[in-house]
Amino acid sequence: MLLESPRSDIAARLIDLEAGLRQLNLWAADPPTQEALASEQPFAMDTLTLEQWLQFIFLPTLYQLLESGAALPERCAITPMAEETLGKRQLPIAPLIATLQDLDRLITEAD
């Protein structure tokens, strides 16, 4: 069996993240406004929910970096924010948190 590259592992986890958001009904049909997407706050927390940030900023950015072969962020730590924000909801978020933990680790460890 061939070992997958770190980038392939990251791409697989991004697909899992999208699936997890959809399963929890946290996937939006309509994008936020351009003004909301232009936030300069971490996670755009002043204009977006975390799931909107994941869907409309994080996922597209990571897919673009993977496709272009560009350098990935040196560090990724989304899990604590997800635990803080999504953990307050009455949702079965454990699988989503596990996916985010994998992404944090894979992106931080990628060369």
PDB file of N, CA and C in Angstrom:
ATOM      1  N   MET A   1       0.844  -1.190   0.000  1.00  0.00           N
ATOM      2  CA  MET A   1       0.000   0.000   0.000  1.00  0.00           C
ATOM      3  C   MET A   1       0.877   1.237   0.000  1.00  0.00           C
ATOM      4  N   LEU A   2       0.566   2.175  -0.860  1.00  0.00           N
ATOM      5  CA  LEU A   2       1.327   3.410  -0.924  1.00  0.00           C
ATOM      6  C   LEU A   2       0.897   4.355   0.181  1.00  0.00           C
ATOM      7  N   LEU A   3       1.875   5.029   0.742  1.00  0.00           N
ATOM      8  CA  LEU A   3       1.557   6.039   1.744  1.00  0.00           C
ATOM      9  C   LEU A   3       1.112   7.305   1.034  1.00  0.00           C
ATOM     10  N   GLU A   4       0.102   7.942   1.575  1.00  0.00           N
ATOM     11  CA  GLU A   4      -0.356   9.187   0.975  1.00  0.00           C
ATOM     12  C   GLU A   4       0.564  10.317   1.391  1.00  0.00           C
ATOM     13  N   SER A   5       0.666  11.316   0.547  1.00  0.00           N
ATOM     14  CA  SER A   5       1.473  12.478   0.885  1.00  0.00           C
ATOM     15  C   SER A   5       0.711  13.326   1.896  1.00  0.00           C
ATOM     16  N   PRO A   6       1.428  14.174   2.643  1.00  0.00           N
ATOM     17  CA  PRO A   6       0.729  15.054   3.584  1.00  0.00           C
ATOM     18  C   PRO A   6      -0.345  15.901   2.899  1.00  0.00           C
ATOM     19  N   ARG A   7      -0.076  16.350   1.686  1.00  0.00           N
ATOM     20  CA  ARG A   7      -1.068  17.169   0.975  1.00  0.00           C
ATOM     21  C   ARG A   7      -2.305  16.349   0.613  1.00  0.00           C
ATOM     22  N   SER A   8      -2.115  15.086   0.247  1.00  0.00           N
ATOM     23  CA  SER A   8      -3.265  14.215  -0.038  1.00  0.00           C
ATOM     24  C   SER A   8      -4.073  13.968   1.228  1.00  0.00           C
ATOM     25  N   ASP A   9      -3.375  13.778   2.341  1.00  0.00           N
ATOM     26  CA  ASP A   9      -4.058  13.596   3.629  1.00  0.00           C
ATOM     27  C   ASP A   9      -4.874  14.836   3.982  1.00  0.00           C
ATOM     28  N   ILE A  10      -4.284  16.009   3.756  1.00  0.00           N
ATOM     29  CA  ILE A  10      -4.987  17.268   4.053  1.00  0.00           C
ATOM     30  C   ILE A  10      -6.214  17.387   3.159  1.00  0.00           C
ATOM     31  N   ALA A  11      -6.061  17.100   1.877  1.00  0.00           N
ATOM     32  CA  ALA A  11      -7.199  17.186   0.949  1.00  0.00           C
ATOM     33  C   ALA A  11      -8.324  16.246   1.386  1.00  0.00           C
ATOM     34  N   ALA A  12      -7.974  15.051   1.822  1.00  0.00           N
ATOM     35  CA  ALA A  12      -8.986  14.093   2.286  1.00  0.00           C
ATOM     36  C   ALA A  12      -9.710  14.627   3.521  1.00  0.00           C
ATOM     37  N   ARG A  13      -8.983  15.224   4.425  1.00  0.00           N
ATOM     38  CA  ARG A  13      -9.611  15.774   5.632  1.00  0.00           C
ATOM     39  C   ARG A  13     -10.486  16.991   5.296  1.00  0.00           C
ATOM     40  N   LEU A  14     -10.114  17.770   4.285  1.00  0.00           N
ATOM     41  CA  LEU A  14     -10.960  18.893   3.861  1.00  0.00           C
ATOM     42  C   LEU A  14     -12.294  18.381   3.340  1.00  0.00           C
ATOM     43  N   ILE A  15     -12.260  17.280   2.608  1.00  0.00           N
ATOM     44  CA  ILE A  15     -13.505  16.663   2.130  1.00  0.00           C
ATOM     45  C   ILE A  15     -14.329  16.190   3.327  1.00  0.00           C
ATOM     46  N   ASP A  16     -13.660  15.602   4.311  1.00  0.00           N
ATOM     47  CA  ASP A  16     -14.355  15.157   5.530  1.00  0.00           C
ATOM     48  C   ASP A  16     -14.973  16.349   6.268  1.00  0.00           C
ATOM     49  N   LEU A  17     -14.249  17.468   6.285  1.00  0.00           N
ATOM     50  CA  LEU A  17     -14.765  18.663   6.961  1.00  0.00           C
ATOM     51  C   LEU A  17     -16.043  19.146   6.290  1.00  0.00           C
ATOM     52  N   GLU A  18     -16.033  19.218   4.967  1.00  0.00           N
ATOM     53  CA  GLU A  18     -17.243  19.637   4.256  1.00  0.00           C
ATOM     54  C   GLU A  18     -18.388  18.675   4.550  1.00  0.00           C
ATOM     55  N   ALA A  19     -18.113  17.384   4.500  1.00  0.00           N
ATOM     56  CA  ALA A  19     -19.155  16.388   4.774  1.00  0.00           C
ATOM     57  C   ALA A  19     -19.696  16.551   6.190  1.00  0.00           C
ATOM     58  N   GLY A  20     -18.808  16.782   7.143  1.00  0.00           N
ATOM     59  CA  GLY A  20     -19.235  16.960   8.528  1.00  0.00           C
ATOM     60  C   GLY A  20     -20.118  18.177   8.704  1.00  0.00           C
ATOM     61  N   LEU A  21     -19.751  19.272   8.057  1.00  0.00           N
ATOM     62  CA  LEU A  21     -20.580  20.488   8.134  1.00  0.00           C
ATOM     63  C   LEU A  21     -21.953  20.238   7.515  1.00  0.00           C
ATOM     64  N   ARG A  22     -21.974  19.541   6.410  1.00  0.00           N
ATOM     65  CA  ARG A  22     -23.256  19.240   5.756  1.00  0.00           C
ATOM     66  C   ARG A  22     -24.119  18.328   6.634  1.00  0.00           C
ATOM     67  N   GLN A  23     -23.512  17.318   7.235  1.00  0.00           N
ATOM     68  CA  GLN A  23     -24.267  16.386   8.083  1.00  0.00           C
ATOM     69  C   GLN A  23     -24.893  17.094   9.281  1.00  0.00           C
ATOM     70  N   LEU A  24     -24.231  18.129   9.772  1.00  0.00           N
ATOM     71  CA  LEU A  24     -24.754  18.872  10.924  1.00  0.00           C
ATOM     72  C   LEU A  24     -25.661  20.024  10.500  1.00  0.00           C
ATOM     73  N   ASN A  25     -25.954  20.102   9.206  1.00  0.00           N
ATOM     74  CA  ASN A  25     -26.764  21.201   8.648  1.00  0.00           C
ATOM     75  C   ASN A  25     -26.134  22.559   8.930  1.00  0.00           C
ATOM     76  N   LEU A  26     -24.803  22.612   8.865  1.00  0.00           N
ATOM     77  CA  LEU A  26     -24.075  23.863   9.070  1.00  0.00           C
ATOM     78  C   LEU A  26     -23.510  24.399   7.752  1.00  0.00           C
ATOM     79  N   TRP A  27     -23.925  23.820   6.649  1.00  0.00           N
ATOM     80  CA  TRP A  27     -23.455  24.228   5.323  1.00  0.00           C
ATOM     81  C   TRP A  27     -24.458  25.217   4.750  1.00  0.00           C
ATOM     82  N   ALA A  28     -24.000  26.406   4.419  1.00  0.00           N
ATOM     83  CA  ALA A  28     -24.892  27.458   3.931  1.00  0.00           C
ATOM     84  C   ALA A  28     -25.121  27.340   2.433  1.00  0.00           C
ATOM     85  N   ALA A  29     -26.336  27.618   2.013  1.00  0.00           N
ATOM     86  CA  ALA A  29     -26.666  27.600   0.586  1.00  0.00           C
ATOM     87  C   ALA A  29     -26.192  28.884  -0.091  1.00  0.00           C
ATOM     88  N   ASP A  30     -26.193  29.981   0.652  1.00  0.00           N
ATOM     89  CA  ASP A  30     -25.832  31.277   0.088  1.00  0.00           C
ATOM     90  C   ASP A  30     -24.597  31.834   0.780  1.00  0.00           C
ATOM     91  N   PRO A  31     -23.687  32.427  -0.005  1.00  0.00           N
ATOM     92  CA  PRO A  31     -22.487  32.992   0.602  1.00  0.00           C
ATOM     93  C   PRO A  31     -22.795  34.288   1.354  1.00  0.00           C
ATOM     94  N   PRO A  32     -21.939  34.624   2.323  1.00  0.00           N
ATOM     95  CA  PRO A  32     -22.090  35.908   3.011  1.00  0.00           C
ATOM     96  C   PRO A  32     -21.745  37.053   2.053  1.00  0.00           C
ATOM     97  N   THR A  33     -22.002  38.263   2.477  1.00  0.00           N
ATOM     98  CA  THR A  33     -21.675  39.429   1.653  1.00  0.00           C
ATOM     99  C   THR A  33     -20.166  39.572   1.510  1.00  0.00           C
ATOM    100  N   GLN A  34     -19.746  40.294   0.501  1.00  0.00           N
ATOM    101  CA  GLN A  34     -18.314  40.557   0.313  1.00  0.00           C
ATOM    102  C   GLN A  34     -17.743  41.321   1.504  1.00  0.00           C
ATOM    103  N   GLU A  35     -18.546  42.196   2.094  1.00  0.00           N
ATOM    104  CA  GLU A  35     -18.094  42.945   3.264  1.00  0.00           C
ATOM    105  C   GLU A  35     -17.811  41.998   4.433  1.00  0.00           C
ATOM    106  N   ALA A  36     -18.691  41.024   4.629  1.00  0.00           N
ATOM    107  CA  ALA A  36     -18.496  40.060   5.715  1.00  0.00           C
ATOM    108  C   ALA A  36     -17.246  39.221   5.466  1.00  0.00           C
ATOM    109  N   LEU A  37     -17.013  38.857   4.221  1.00  0.00           N
ATOM    110  CA  LEU A  37     -15.847  38.035   3.876  1.00  0.00           C
ATOM    111  C   LEU A  37     -14.539  38.824   3.987  1.00  0.00           C
ATOM    112  N   ALA A  38     -14.624  40.139   3.957  1.00  0.00           N
ATOM    113  CA  ALA A  38     -13.425  40.978   3.989  1.00  0.00           C
ATOM    114  C   ALA A  38     -12.947  41.279   5.409  1.00  0.00           C
ATOM    115  N   SER A  39     -13.563  40.708   6.407  1.00  0.00           N
ATOM    116  CA  SER A  39     -13.156  40.946   7.798  1.00  0.00           C
ATOM    117  C   SER A  39     -11.680  40.662   7.992  1.00  0.00           C
ATOM    118  N   GLU A  40     -11.046  41.447   8.830  1.00  0.00           N
ATOM    119  CA  GLU A  40      -9.638  41.229   9.145  1.00  0.00           C
ATOM    120  C   GLU A  40      -9.450  40.594  10.518  1.00  0.00           C
ATOM    121  N   GLN A  41     -10.535  40.287  11.193  1.00  0.00           N
ATOM    122  CA  GLN A  41     -10.471  39.645  12.508  1.00  0.00           C
ATOM    123  C   GLN A  41     -10.137  38.157  12.338  1.00  0.00           C
ATOM    124  N   PRO A  42      -9.465  37.556  13.338  1.00  0.00           N
ATOM    125  CA  PRO A  42      -9.257  36.105  13.263  1.00  0.00           C
ATOM    126  C   PRO A  42     -10.604  35.383  13.119  1.00  0.00           C
ATOM    127  N   PHE A  43     -10.645  34.431  12.210  1.00  0.00           N
ATOM    128  CA  PHE A  43     -11.859  33.651  11.927  1.00  0.00           C
ATOM    129  C   PHE A  43     -13.028  34.531  11.466  1.00  0.00           C
ATOM    130  N   ALA A  44     -12.746  35.786  11.113  1.00  0.00           N
ATOM    131  CA  ALA A  44     -13.799  36.744  10.725  1.00  0.00           C
ATOM    132  C   ALA A  44     -14.921  36.740  11.757  1.00  0.00           C
ATOM    133  N   MET A  45     -14.531  36.605  13.031  1.00  0.00           N
ATOM    134  CA  MET A  45     -15.532  36.411  14.082  1.00  0.00           C
ATOM    135  C   MET A  45     -16.434  37.608  14.296  1.00  0.00           C
ATOM    136  N   ASP A  46     -16.081  38.745  13.717  1.00  0.00           N
ATOM    137  CA  ASP A  46     -16.960  39.905  13.837  1.00  0.00           C
ATOM    138  C   ASP A  46     -18.059  39.911  12.786  1.00  0.00           C
ATOM    139  N   THR A  47     -17.908  39.085  11.739  1.00  0.00           N
ATOM    140  CA  THR A  47     -18.895  39.115  10.656  1.00  0.00           C
ATOM    141  C   THR A  47     -19.441  37.746  10.246  1.00  0.00           C
ATOM    142  N   LEU A  48     -18.751  36.663  10.618  1.00  0.00           N
ATOM    143  CA  LEU A  48     -19.166  35.329  10.194  1.00  0.00           C
ATOM    144  C   LEU A  48     -19.271  34.389  11.386  1.00  0.00           C
ATOM    145  N   THR A  49     -20.098  33.375  11.248  1.00  0.00           N
ATOM    146  CA  THR A  49     -20.071  32.273  12.209  1.00  0.00           C
ATOM    147  C   THR A  49     -18.853  31.410  11.863  1.00  0.00           C
ATOM    148  N   LEU A  50     -18.434  30.561  12.773  1.00  0.00           N
ATOM    149  CA  LEU A  50     -17.278  29.710  12.488  1.00  0.00           C
ATOM    150  C   LEU A  50     -17.541  28.818  11.285  1.00  0.00           C
ATOM    151  N   GLU A  51     -18.734  28.262  11.190  1.00  0.00           N
ATOM    152  CA  GLU A  51     -19.012  27.386  10.056  1.00  0.00           C
ATOM    153  C   GLU A  51     -18.984  28.145   8.730  1.00  0.00           C
ATOM    154  N   GLN A  52     -19.411  29.421   8.730  1.00  0.00           N
ATOM    155  CA  GLN A  52     -19.301  30.232   7.513  1.00  0.00           C
ATOM    156  C   GLN A  52     -17.832  30.472   7.170  1.00  0.00           C
ATOM    157  N   TRP A  53     -17.024  30.759   8.186  1.00  0.00           N
ATOM    158  CA  TRP A  53     -15.597  30.976   7.954  1.00  0.00           C
ATOM    159  C   TRP A  53     -14.954  29.714   7.373  1.00  0.00           C
ATOM    160  N   LEU A  54     -15.306  28.558   7.941  1.00  0.00           N
ATOM    161  CA  LEU A  54     -14.769  27.303   7.427  1.00  0.00           C
ATOM    162  C   LEU A  54     -15.175  27.096   5.970  1.00  0.00           C
ATOM    163  N   GLN A  55     -16.445  27.327   5.671  1.00  0.00           N
ATOM    164  CA  GLN A  55     -16.975  27.066   4.331  1.00  0.00           C
ATOM    165  C   GLN A  55     -16.479  28.063   3.292  1.00  0.00           C
ATOM    166  N   PHE A  56     -16.473  29.335   3.629  1.00  0.00           N
ATOM    167  CA  PHE A  56     -16.244  30.356   2.613  1.00  0.00           C
ATOM    168  C   PHE A  56     -14.838  30.956   2.613  1.00  0.00           C
ATOM    169  N   ILE A  57     -14.056  30.701   3.653  1.00  0.00           N
ATOM    170  CA  ILE A  57     -12.693  31.227   3.688  1.00  0.00           C
ATOM    171  C   ILE A  57     -11.675  30.097   3.827  1.00  0.00           C
ATOM    172  N   PHE A  58     -11.794  29.283   4.878  1.00  0.00           N
ATOM    173  CA  PHE A  58     -10.796  28.246   5.139  1.00  0.00           C
ATOM    174  C   PHE A  58     -10.719  27.208   4.024  1.00  0.00           C
ATOM    175  N   LEU A  59     -11.849  26.567   3.711  1.00  0.00           N
ATOM    176  CA  LEU A  59     -11.836  25.511   2.684  1.00  0.00           C
ATOM    177  C   LEU A  59     -11.339  26.022   1.326  1.00  0.00           C
ATOM    178  N   PRO A  60     -11.895  27.117   0.790  1.00  0.00           N
ATOM    179  CA  PRO A  60     -11.402  27.573  -0.521  1.00  0.00           C
ATOM    180  C   PRO A  60      -9.919  27.948  -0.505  1.00  0.00           C
ATOM    181  N   THR A  61      -9.462  28.560   0.586  1.00  0.00           N
ATOM    182  CA  THR A  61      -8.057  28.953   0.678  1.00  0.00           C
ATOM    183  C   THR A  61      -7.157  27.729   0.682  1.00  0.00           C
ATOM    184  N   LEU A  62      -7.495  26.728   1.494  1.00  0.00           N
ATOM    185  CA  LEU A  62      -6.665  25.521   1.558  1.00  0.00           C
ATOM    186  C   LEU A  62      -6.686  24.757   0.243  1.00  0.00           C
ATOM    187  N   TYR A  63      -7.854  24.642  -0.385  1.00  0.00           N
ATOM    188  CA  TYR A  63      -7.916  23.962  -1.680  1.00  0.00           C
ATOM    189  C   TYR A  63      -7.033  24.684  -2.706  1.00  0.00           C
ATOM    190  N   GLN A  64      -7.061  26.005  -2.701  1.00  0.00           N
ATOM    191  CA  GLN A  64      -6.248  26.781  -3.642  1.00  0.00           C
ATOM    192  C   GLN A  64      -4.754  26.558  -3.384  1.00  0.00           C
ATOM    193  N   LEU A  65      -4.354  26.565  -2.108  1.00  0.00           N
ATOM    194  CA  LEU A  65      -2.951  26.325  -1.777  1.00  0.00           C
ATOM    195  C   LEU A  65      -2.515  24.926  -2.211  1.00  0.00           C
ATOM    196  N   LEU A  66      -3.369  23.938  -1.983  1.00  0.00           N
ATOM    197  CA  LEU A  66      -3.044  22.567  -2.372  1.00  0.00           C
ATOM    198  C   LEU A  66      -2.929  22.435  -3.893  1.00  0.00           C
ATOM    199  N   GLU A  67      -3.883  23.016  -4.614  1.00  0.00           N
ATOM    200  CA  GLU A  67      -3.889  22.914  -6.082  1.00  0.00           C
ATOM    201  C   GLU A  67      -2.681  23.594  -6.698  1.00  0.00           C
ATOM    202  N   SER A  68      -2.296  24.749  -6.153  1.00  0.00           N
ATOM    203  CA  SER A  68      -1.202  25.517  -6.742  1.00  0.00           C
ATOM    204  C   SER A  68       0.168  25.035  -6.275  1.00  0.00           C
ATOM    205  N   GLY A  69       0.186  24.189  -5.249  1.00  0.00           N
ATOM    206  CA  GLY A  69       1.461  23.736  -4.705  1.00  0.00           C
ATOM    207  C   GLY A  69       2.131  24.782  -3.825  1.00  0.00           C
ATOM    208  N   ALA A  70       1.401  25.818  -3.480  1.00  0.00           N
ATOM    209  CA  ALA A  70       1.940  26.898  -2.644  1.00  0.00           C
ATOM    210  C   ALA A  70       2.182  26.404  -1.219  1.00  0.00           C
ATOM    211  N   ALA A  71       2.970  27.160  -0.498  1.00  0.00           N
ATOM    212  CA  ALA A  71       3.271  26.811   0.890  1.00  0.00           C
ATOM    213  C   ALA A  71       1.995  26.871   1.730  1.00  0.00           C
ATOM    214  N   LEU A  72       1.886  25.914   2.619  1.00  0.00           N
ATOM    215  CA  LEU A  72       0.760  25.884   3.556  1.00  0.00           C
ATOM    216  C   LEU A  72       1.105  26.738   4.772  1.00  0.00           C
ATOM    217  N   PRO A  73       0.114  27.135   5.556  1.00  0.00           N
ATOM    218  CA  PRO A  73       0.413  27.884   6.779  1.00  0.00           C
ATOM    219  C   PRO A  73       1.370  27.080   7.663  1.00  0.00           C
ATOM    220  N   GLU A  74       2.233  27.778   8.383  1.00  0.00           N
ATOM    221  CA  GLU A  74       3.186  27.095   9.259  1.00  0.00           C
ATOM    222  C   GLU A  74       2.500  26.457  10.449  1.00  0.00           C
ATOM    223  N   ARG A  75       1.396  27.039  10.858  1.00  0.00           N
ATOM    224  CA  ARG A  75       0.699  26.557  12.048  1.00  0.00           C
ATOM    225  C   ARG A  75      -0.799  26.659  11.811  1.00  0.00           C
ATOM    226  N   CYS A  76      -1.514  25.687  12.301  1.00  0.00           N
ATOM    227  CA  CYS A  76      -2.964  25.690  12.193  1.00  0.00           C
ATOM    228  C   CYS A  76      -3.539  25.266  13.540  1.00  0.00           C
ATOM    229  N   ALA A  77      -4.455  26.062  14.058  1.00  0.00           N
ATOM    230  CA  ALA A  77      -5.058  25.761  15.364  1.00  0.00           C
ATOM    231  C   ALA A  77      -6.518  26.206  15.363  1.00  0.00           C
ATOM    232  N   ILE A  78      -7.323  25.486  14.612  1.00  0.00           N
ATOM    233  CA  ILE A  78      -8.747  25.804  14.504  1.00  0.00           C
ATOM    234  C   ILE A  78      -9.562  25.106  15.590  1.00  0.00           C
ATOM    235  N   THR A  79      -9.096  23.954  16.038  1.00  0.00           N
ATOM    236  CA  THR A  79      -9.867  23.137  16.973  1.00  0.00           C
ATOM    237  C   THR A  79     -10.315  23.889  18.224  1.00  0.00           C
ATOM    238  N   PRO A  80      -9.436  24.638  18.900  1.00  0.00           N
ATOM    239  CA  PRO A  80      -9.902  25.332  20.117  1.00  0.00           C
ATOM    240  C   PRO A  80     -11.069  26.286  19.854  1.00  0.00           C
ATOM    241  N   MET A  81     -11.023  26.999  18.731  1.00  0.00           N
ATOM    242  CA  MET A  81     -12.120  27.914  18.393  1.00  0.00           C
ATOM    243  C   MET A  81     -13.401  27.122  18.113  1.00  0.00           C
ATOM    244  N   ALA A  82     -13.265  26.002  17.419  1.00  0.00           N
ATOM    245  CA  ALA A  82     -14.438  25.170  17.118  1.00  0.00           C
ATOM    246  C   ALA A  82     -15.036  24.599  18.397  1.00  0.00           C
ATOM    247  N   GLU A  83     -14.182  24.133  19.297  1.00  0.00           N
ATOM    248  CA  GLU A  83     -14.686  23.594  20.565  1.00  0.00           C
ATOM    249  C   GLU A  83     -15.420  24.676  21.351  1.00  0.00           C
ATOM    250  N   GLU A  84     -14.885  25.884  21.320  1.00  0.00           N
ATOM    251  CA  GLU A  84     -15.490  26.997  22.055  1.00  0.00           C
ATOM    252  C   GLU A  84     -16.828  27.417  21.449  1.00  0.00           C
ATOM    253  N   THR A  85     -16.886  27.539  20.135  1.00  0.00           N
ATOM    254  CA  THR A  85     -18.103  28.057  19.508  1.00  0.00           C
ATOM    255  C   THR A  85     -19.129  26.965  19.211  1.00  0.00           C
ATOM    256  N   LEU A  86     -18.707  25.907  18.542  1.00  0.00           N
ATOM    257  CA  LEU A  86     -19.644  24.838  18.187  1.00  0.00           C
ATOM    258  C   LEU A  86     -20.003  23.986  19.397  1.00  0.00           C
ATOM    259  N   GLY A  87     -19.107  23.917  20.360  1.00  0.00           N
ATOM    260  CA  GLY A  87     -19.356  23.125  21.558  1.00  0.00           C
ATOM    261  C   GLY A  87     -20.509  23.631  22.394  1.00  0.00           C
ATOM    262  N   LYS A  88     -20.897  24.886  22.192  1.00  0.00           N
ATOM    263  CA  LYS A  88     -22.019  25.470  22.940  1.00  0.00           C
ATOM    264  C   LYS A  88     -23.373  25.075  22.355  1.00  0.00           C
ATOM    265  N   ARG A  89     -23.347  24.459  21.194  1.00  0.00           N
ATOM    266  CA  ARG A  89     -24.601  24.068  20.540  1.00  0.00           C
ATOM    267  C   ARG A  89     -24.942  22.628  20.880  1.00  0.00           C
ATOM    268  N   GLN A  90     -26.189  22.311  20.777  1.00  0.00           N
ATOM    269  CA  GLN A  90     -26.649  20.952  21.038  1.00  0.00           C
ATOM    270  C   GLN A  90     -26.539  20.129  19.751  1.00  0.00           C
ATOM    271  N   LEU A  91     -25.293  19.907  19.340  1.00  0.00           N
ATOM    272  CA  LEU A  91     -25.029  19.150  18.122  1.00  0.00           C
ATOM    273  C   LEU A  91     -24.000  18.063  18.416  1.00  0.00           C
ATOM    274  N   PRO A  92     -24.066  16.954  17.694  1.00  0.00           N
ATOM    275  CA  PRO A  92     -23.053  15.898  17.846  1.00  0.00           C
ATOM    276  C   PRO A  92     -21.785  16.281  17.065  1.00  0.00           C
ATOM    277  N   ILE A  93     -20.946  17.107  17.673  1.00  0.00           N
ATOM    278  CA  ILE A  93     -19.807  17.674  16.946  1.00  0.00           C
ATOM    279  C   ILE A  93     -18.516  16.871  17.069  1.00  0.00           C
ATOM    280  N   ALA A  94     -18.493  15.785  17.834  1.00  0.00           N
ATOM    281  CA  ALA A  94     -17.242  15.047  18.052  1.00  0.00           C
ATOM    282  C   ALA A  94     -16.544  14.647  16.740  1.00  0.00           C
ATOM    283  N   PRO A  95     -17.247  14.118  15.733  1.00  0.00           N
ATOM    284  CA  PRO A  95     -16.552  13.776  14.487  1.00  0.00           C
ATOM    285  C   PRO A  95     -15.958  15.010  13.783  1.00  0.00           C
ATOM    286  N   LEU A  96     -16.681  16.113  13.822  1.00  0.00           N
ATOM    287  CA  LEU A  96     -16.188  17.348  13.205  1.00  0.00           C
ATOM    288  C   LEU A  96     -14.942  17.851  13.939  1.00  0.00           C
ATOM    289  N   ILE A  97     -14.962  17.800  15.248  1.00  0.00           N
ATOM    290  CA  ILE A  97     -13.805  18.215  16.046  1.00  0.00           C
ATOM    291  C   ILE A  97     -12.615  17.312  15.742  1.00  0.00           C
ATOM    292  N   ALA A  98     -12.845  16.017  15.611  1.00  0.00           N
ATOM    293  CA  ALA A  98     -11.761  15.084  15.287  1.00  0.00           C
ATOM    294  C   ALA A  98     -11.148  15.417  13.924  1.00  0.00           C
ATOM    295  N   THR A  99     -11.974  15.762  12.953  1.00  0.00           N
ATOM    296  CA  THR A  99     -11.473  16.151  11.631  1.00  0.00           C
ATOM    297  C   THR A  99     -10.637  17.415  11.735  1.00  0.00           C
ATOM    298  N   LEU A 100     -11.105  18.393  12.506  1.00  0.00           N
ATOM    299  CA  LEU A 100     -10.348  19.639  12.668  1.00  0.00           C
ATOM    300  C   LEU A 100      -9.023  19.385  13.390  1.00  0.00           C
ATOM    301  N   GLN A 101      -9.026  18.487  14.363  1.00  0.00           N
ATOM    302  CA  GLN A 101      -7.775  18.136  15.049  1.00  0.00           C
ATOM    303  C   GLN A 101      -6.782  17.527  14.056  1.00  0.00           C
ATOM    304  N   ASP A 102      -7.282  16.642  13.189  1.00  0.00           N
ATOM    305  CA  ASP A 102      -6.422  16.051  12.159  1.00  0.00           C
ATOM    306  C   ASP A 102      -5.868  17.137  11.240  1.00  0.00           C
ATOM    307  N   LEU A 103      -6.719  18.058  10.820  1.00  0.00           N
ATOM    308  CA  LEU A 103      -6.264  19.136   9.946  1.00  0.00           C
ATOM    309  C   LEU A 103      -5.223  20.005  10.636  1.00  0.00           C
ATOM    310  N   ASP A 104      -5.476  20.377  11.877  1.00  0.00           N
ATOM    311  CA  ASP A 104      -4.509  21.182  12.619  1.00  0.00           C
ATOM    312  C   ASP A 104      -3.145  20.495  12.628  1.00  0.00           C
ATOM    313  N   ARG A 105      -3.147  19.195  12.938  1.00  0.00           N
ATOM    314  CA  ARG A 105      -1.899  18.442  13.029  1.00  0.00           C
ATOM    315  C   ARG A 105      -1.229  18.314  11.661  1.00  0.00           C
ATOM    316  N   LEU A 106      -1.997  17.918  10.653  1.00  0.00           N
ATOM    317  CA  LEU A 106      -1.430  17.704   9.329  1.00  0.00           C
ATOM    318  C   LEU A 106      -0.858  18.987   8.720  1.00  0.00           C
ATOM    319  N   ILE A 107      -1.581  20.090   8.855  1.00  0.00           N
ATOM    320  CA  ILE A 107      -1.107  21.357   8.293  1.00  0.00           C
ATOM    321  C   ILE A 107       0.114  21.852   9.036  1.00  0.00           C
ATOM    322  N   THR A 108       0.100  21.744  10.365  1.00  0.00           N
ATOM    323  CA  THR A 108       1.231  22.207  11.165  1.00  0.00           C
ATOM    324  C   THR A 108       2.485  21.364  10.894  1.00  0.00           C
ATOM    325  N   GLU A 109       2.293  20.063  10.648  1.00  0.00           N
ATOM    326  CA  GLU A 109       3.439  19.166  10.411  1.00  0.00           C
ATOM    327  C   GLU A 109       3.893  19.131   8.958  1.00  0.00           C
ATOM    328  N   ALA A 110       3.080  19.663   8.031  1.00  0.00           N
ATOM    329  CA  ALA A 110       3.442  19.607   6.609  1.00  0.00           C
ATOM    330  C   ALA A 110       4.674  20.469   6.340  1.00  0.00           C
ATOM    331  N   ASP A 111       5.469  20.011   5.416  1.00  0.00           N
ATOM    332  CA  ASP A 111       6.686  20.762   5.065  1.00  0.00           C
ATOM    333  C   ASP A 111       6.384  21.808   4.027  1.00  0.00           C
TER     334      ASP A 111
END
